Amino acid sequence: MKYRKRPVVIEAIQYNKNRSEIELFVGKELSQELESETAYVAGKGPPLFSLIIPTLEGDHKAMPGDWIIKGVEGEFYPCKPAIFEKTYDAI
């Protein structure tokens, strides 16, 4: 069988080194994990941090560029930019 997703309106914010904005969005302090410091150590850029998003299925990592979505039940989860663009339209 095939199914179509029901149209729903969601709220979302993109993670672009804006940890404090995302913490306001989800309503709690979030932790980060160092993913790569290679560029930083080599003097070619800042270290890369993921943001830990508590979801209904446990903690998930959001990488810079990922979207943080507030679901229909008030839950939060990260979404990769390519999937977000294919799934959602701005209103």
N, C-alpha and C. Protein backbone atom coordinates (compact mmCIF):
# COMPACT_ATOMS: atom_id res chain seq x y z
N MET A 1 0.84 -1.18 0.00
CA MET A 1 0.00 0.00 0.00
C MET A 1 0.88 1.24 0.00
N LYS A 2 0.34 2.32 -0.49
CA LYS A 2 1.03 3.59 -0.48
C LYS A 2 0.28 4.56 0.42
N TYR A 3 1.03 5.48 1.03
CA TYR A 3 0.44 6.47 1.92
C TYR A 3 1.01 7.84 1.59
N ARG A 4 0.22 8.85 1.84
CA ARG A 4 0.66 10.23 1.66
C ARG A 4 0.68 10.90 3.02
N LYS A 5 1.72 11.67 3.28
CA LYS A 5 1.83 12.39 4.54
C LYS A 5 0.78 13.48 4.60
N ARG A 6 0.07 13.58 5.72
CA ARG A 6 -0.92 14.63 5.90
C ARG A 6 -0.25 15.99 5.96
N PRO A 7 -0.88 17.00 5.41
CA PRO A 7 -0.27 18.33 5.51
C PRO A 7 -0.38 18.87 6.94
N VAL A 8 0.74 19.21 7.50
CA VAL A 8 0.80 19.80 8.83
C VAL A 8 1.75 20.98 8.79
N VAL A 9 1.54 21.91 9.69
CA VAL A 9 2.43 23.05 9.82
C VAL A 9 3.37 22.79 10.99
N ILE A 10 4.66 22.94 10.74
CA ILE A 10 5.65 22.72 11.79
C ILE A 10 6.45 24.01 12.01
N GLU A 11 7.15 24.06 13.13
CA GLU A 11 8.10 25.13 13.37
C GLU A 11 9.49 24.51 13.27
N ALA A 12 10.46 25.28 12.75
CA ALA A 12 11.81 24.75 12.62
C ALA A 12 12.81 25.90 12.66
N ILE A 13 14.04 25.54 13.03
CA ILE A 13 15.15 26.50 13.04
C ILE A 13 16.38 25.76 12.54
N GLN A 14 17.21 26.44 11.76
CA GLN A 14 18.41 25.80 11.24
C GLN A 14 19.58 26.03 12.18
N TYR A 15 20.38 24.98 12.39
CA TYR A 15 21.54 25.04 13.27
C TYR A 15 22.73 25.58 12.49
N ASN A 16 23.11 26.80 12.81
CA ASN A 16 24.27 27.45 12.19
C ASN A 16 25.05 28.20 13.26
N LYS A 17 25.59 27.44 14.21
CA LYS A 17 26.36 28.01 15.31
C LYS A 17 25.52 28.97 16.15
N ASN A 18 24.23 28.75 16.23
CA ASN A 18 23.28 29.58 16.97
C ASN A 18 22.68 28.78 18.13
N ARG A 19 23.55 28.19 18.91
CA ARG A 19 23.12 27.32 20.01
C ARG A 19 22.11 27.99 20.92
N SER A 20 22.35 29.25 21.30
CA SER A 20 21.44 29.92 22.24
C SER A 20 20.04 30.08 21.64
N GLU A 21 19.93 30.36 20.36
CA GLU A 21 18.61 30.47 19.71
C GLU A 21 17.90 29.12 19.72
N ILE A 22 18.64 28.07 19.47
CA ILE A 22 18.03 26.73 19.45
C ILE A 22 17.60 26.33 20.85
N GLU A 23 18.39 26.69 21.87
CA GLU A 23 18.00 26.40 23.24
C GLU A 23 16.71 27.13 23.60
N LEU A 24 16.55 28.35 23.14
CA LEU A 24 15.28 29.07 23.35
C LEU A 24 14.14 28.35 22.63
N PHE A 25 14.40 27.87 21.43
CA PHE A 25 13.39 27.17 20.62
C PHE A 25 12.92 25.89 21.30
N VAL A 26 13.87 25.08 21.81
CA VAL A 26 13.49 23.81 22.43
C VAL A 26 13.17 23.95 23.92
N GLY A 27 13.51 25.09 24.51
CA GLY A 27 13.15 25.34 25.90
C GLY A 27 14.04 24.69 26.93
N LYS A 28 15.27 24.35 26.55
CA LYS A 28 16.20 23.76 27.52
C LYS A 28 17.64 23.94 27.04
N GLU A 29 18.56 23.82 28.00
CA GLU A 29 19.98 23.88 27.67
C GLU A 29 20.39 22.59 26.97
N LEU A 30 21.17 22.72 25.90
CA LEU A 30 21.60 21.56 25.12
C LEU A 30 23.11 21.39 25.22
N SER A 31 23.56 20.17 25.11
CA SER A 31 25.00 19.92 25.13
C SER A 31 25.53 19.81 23.70
N GLN A 32 26.84 19.94 23.58
CA GLN A 32 27.51 19.82 22.30
C GLN A 32 28.58 18.74 22.40
N GLU A 33 28.97 18.18 21.24
CA GLU A 33 30.08 17.24 21.19
C GLU A 33 31.05 17.71 20.12
N LEU A 34 32.32 17.61 20.40
CA LEU A 34 33.35 17.94 19.42
C LEU A 34 33.40 16.82 18.39
N GLU A 35 33.14 17.17 17.14
CA GLU A 35 33.14 16.17 16.07
C GLU A 35 34.48 16.13 15.34
N SER A 36 35.09 17.29 15.15
CA SER A 36 36.36 17.34 14.44
C SER A 36 37.11 18.60 14.82
N GLU A 37 38.33 18.41 15.20
CA GLU A 37 39.17 19.56 15.47
C GLU A 37 40.35 19.60 14.50
N THR A 38 40.33 18.73 13.48
CA THR A 38 41.44 18.63 12.54
C THR A 38 41.72 19.96 11.85
N ALA A 39 40.69 20.61 11.32
CA ALA A 39 40.89 21.89 10.64
C ALA A 39 41.40 22.94 11.61
N TYR A 40 40.89 22.92 12.83
CA TYR A 40 41.31 23.88 13.85
C TYR A 40 42.79 23.69 14.20
N VAL A 41 43.18 22.45 14.43
CA VAL A 41 44.57 22.14 14.79
C VAL A 41 45.50 22.52 13.63
N ALA A 42 45.05 22.31 12.40
CA ALA A 42 45.86 22.63 11.23
C ALA A 42 45.82 24.13 10.90
N GLY A 43 45.05 24.90 11.66
CA GLY A 43 44.96 26.33 11.42
C GLY A 43 44.11 26.69 10.22
N LYS A 44 43.21 25.80 9.82
CA LYS A 44 42.40 26.03 8.62
C LYS A 44 40.93 26.25 8.92
N GLY A 45 40.58 26.46 10.15
CA GLY A 45 39.17 26.70 10.47
C GLY A 45 38.85 26.34 11.90
N PRO A 46 37.64 26.66 12.33
CA PRO A 46 37.23 26.36 13.70
C PRO A 46 36.89 24.89 13.88
N PRO A 47 36.91 24.41 15.12
CA PRO A 47 36.48 23.02 15.36
C PRO A 47 35.00 22.86 15.03
N LEU A 48 34.60 21.65 14.71
CA LEU A 48 33.22 21.34 14.33
C LEU A 48 32.51 20.69 15.52
N PHE A 49 31.39 21.29 15.93
CA PHE A 49 30.62 20.75 17.05
C PHE A 49 29.24 20.30 16.59
N SER A 50 28.79 19.16 17.10
CA SER A 50 27.40 18.75 16.92
C SER A 50 26.61 19.26 18.12
N LEU A 51 25.31 19.39 17.95
CA LEU A 51 24.41 19.79 19.03
C LEU A 51 23.54 18.58 19.35
N ILE A 52 23.43 18.23 20.61
CA ILE A 52 22.67 17.05 21.01
C ILE A 52 21.21 17.44 21.25
N ILE A 53 20.32 16.83 20.46
CA ILE A 53 18.89 17.12 20.53
C ILE A 53 18.18 15.93 21.17
N PRO A 54 17.53 16.13 22.32
CA PRO A 54 16.76 15.03 22.91
C PRO A 54 15.48 14.80 22.09
N THR A 55 15.28 13.57 21.63
CA THR A 55 14.10 13.23 20.84
C THR A 55 13.31 12.14 21.57
N LEU A 56 12.18 11.77 21.02
CA LEU A 56 11.39 10.69 21.61
C LEU A 56 12.11 9.35 21.53
N GLU A 57 13.07 9.23 20.60
CA GLU A 57 13.82 8.00 20.43
C GLU A 57 15.19 8.05 21.09
N GLY A 58 15.46 9.06 21.89
CA GLY A 58 16.77 9.23 22.52
C GLY A 58 17.49 10.43 21.92
N ASP A 59 18.73 10.62 22.32
CA ASP A 59 19.49 11.77 21.85
C ASP A 59 19.96 11.57 20.41
N HIS A 60 19.82 12.63 19.61
CA HIS A 60 20.30 12.63 18.23
C HIS A 60 21.22 13.82 18.03
N LYS A 61 22.21 13.66 17.16
CA LYS A 61 23.14 14.75 16.87
C LYS A 61 22.63 15.59 15.72
N ALA A 62 22.73 16.90 15.89
CA ALA A 62 22.46 17.84 14.79
C ALA A 62 23.79 18.46 14.41
N MET A 63 24.11 18.41 13.13
CA MET A 63 25.33 19.00 12.62
C MET A 63 25.01 20.39 12.06
N PRO A 64 26.01 21.27 11.99
CA PRO A 64 25.74 22.59 11.39
C PRO A 64 25.08 22.44 10.02
N GLY A 65 24.02 23.21 9.81
CA GLY A 65 23.24 23.13 8.57
C GLY A 65 21.96 22.32 8.73
N ASP A 66 21.92 21.42 9.72
CA ASP A 66 20.71 20.62 9.95
C ASP A 66 19.59 21.52 10.48
N TRP A 67 18.37 21.10 10.26
CA TRP A 67 17.20 21.79 10.78
C TRP A 67 16.74 21.09 12.05
N ILE A 68 16.29 21.87 13.04
CA ILE A 68 15.68 21.32 14.25
C ILE A 68 14.19 21.58 14.11
N ILE A 69 13.42 20.51 14.11
CA ILE A 69 11.97 20.58 13.87
C ILE A 69 11.20 20.33 15.15
N LYS A 70 10.18 21.13 15.36
CA LYS A 70 9.23 20.88 16.45
C LYS A 70 8.05 20.15 15.84
N GLY A 71 7.83 18.92 16.27
CA GLY A 71 6.77 18.09 15.70
C GLY A 71 5.39 18.45 16.23
N VAL A 72 4.39 17.74 15.72
CA VAL A 72 3.00 18.03 16.04
C VAL A 72 2.64 17.77 17.50
N GLU A 73 3.43 16.98 18.21
CA GLU A 73 3.19 16.71 19.62
C GLU A 73 4.12 17.52 20.52
N GLY A 74 4.84 18.48 19.94
CA GLY A 74 5.76 19.30 20.72
C GLY A 74 7.14 18.68 20.88
N GLU A 75 7.39 17.56 20.21
CA GLU A 75 8.69 16.90 20.27
C GLU A 75 9.66 17.59 19.30
N PHE A 76 10.95 17.37 19.51
CA PHE A 76 11.98 17.97 18.66
C PHE A 76 12.84 16.89 18.04
N TYR A 77 13.31 17.14 16.84
CA TYR A 77 14.23 16.21 16.19
C TYR A 77 14.98 16.93 15.07
N PRO A 78 16.23 16.48 14.79
CA PRO A 78 16.99 17.09 13.71
C PRO A 78 16.62 16.49 12.36
N CYS A 79 16.86 17.27 11.32
CA CYS A 79 16.56 16.84 9.95
C CYS A 79 17.64 17.38 9.02
N LYS A 80 18.18 16.54 8.17
CA LYS A 80 19.20 16.95 7.21
C LYS A 80 18.60 17.95 6.21
N PRO A 81 19.40 18.92 5.77
CA PRO A 81 18.89 19.97 4.88
C PRO A 81 18.23 19.45 3.59
N ALA A 82 18.79 18.43 2.96
CA ALA A 82 18.23 17.91 1.71
C ALA A 82 16.84 17.32 1.94
N ILE A 83 16.66 16.60 3.04
CA ILE A 83 15.35 16.02 3.37
C ILE A 83 14.36 17.13 3.71
N PHE A 84 14.82 18.11 4.48
CA PHE A 84 13.96 19.23 4.87
C PHE A 84 13.43 19.95 3.62
N GLU A 85 14.31 20.23 2.67
CA GLU A 85 13.92 20.95 1.45
C GLU A 85 12.93 20.15 0.61
N LYS A 86 13.05 18.82 0.61
CA LYS A 86 12.12 17.97 -0.15
C LYS A 86 10.79 17.78 0.53
N THR A 87 10.74 18.02 1.85
CA THR A 87 9.56 17.73 2.64
C THR A 87 8.74 18.95 3.01
N TYR A 88 9.39 20.10 3.19
CA TYR A 88 8.70 21.28 3.72
C TYR A 88 8.81 22.49 2.81
N ASP A 89 7.78 23.30 2.79
CA ASP A 89 7.75 24.59 2.09
C ASP A 89 7.55 25.68 3.14
N ALA A 90 8.20 26.82 2.94
CA ALA A 90 7.99 27.96 3.84
C ALA A 90 6.58 28.51 3.64
N ILE A 91 5.95 28.94 4.73
CA ILE A 91 4.61 29.55 4.59
C ILE A 91 4.64 30.96 5.18
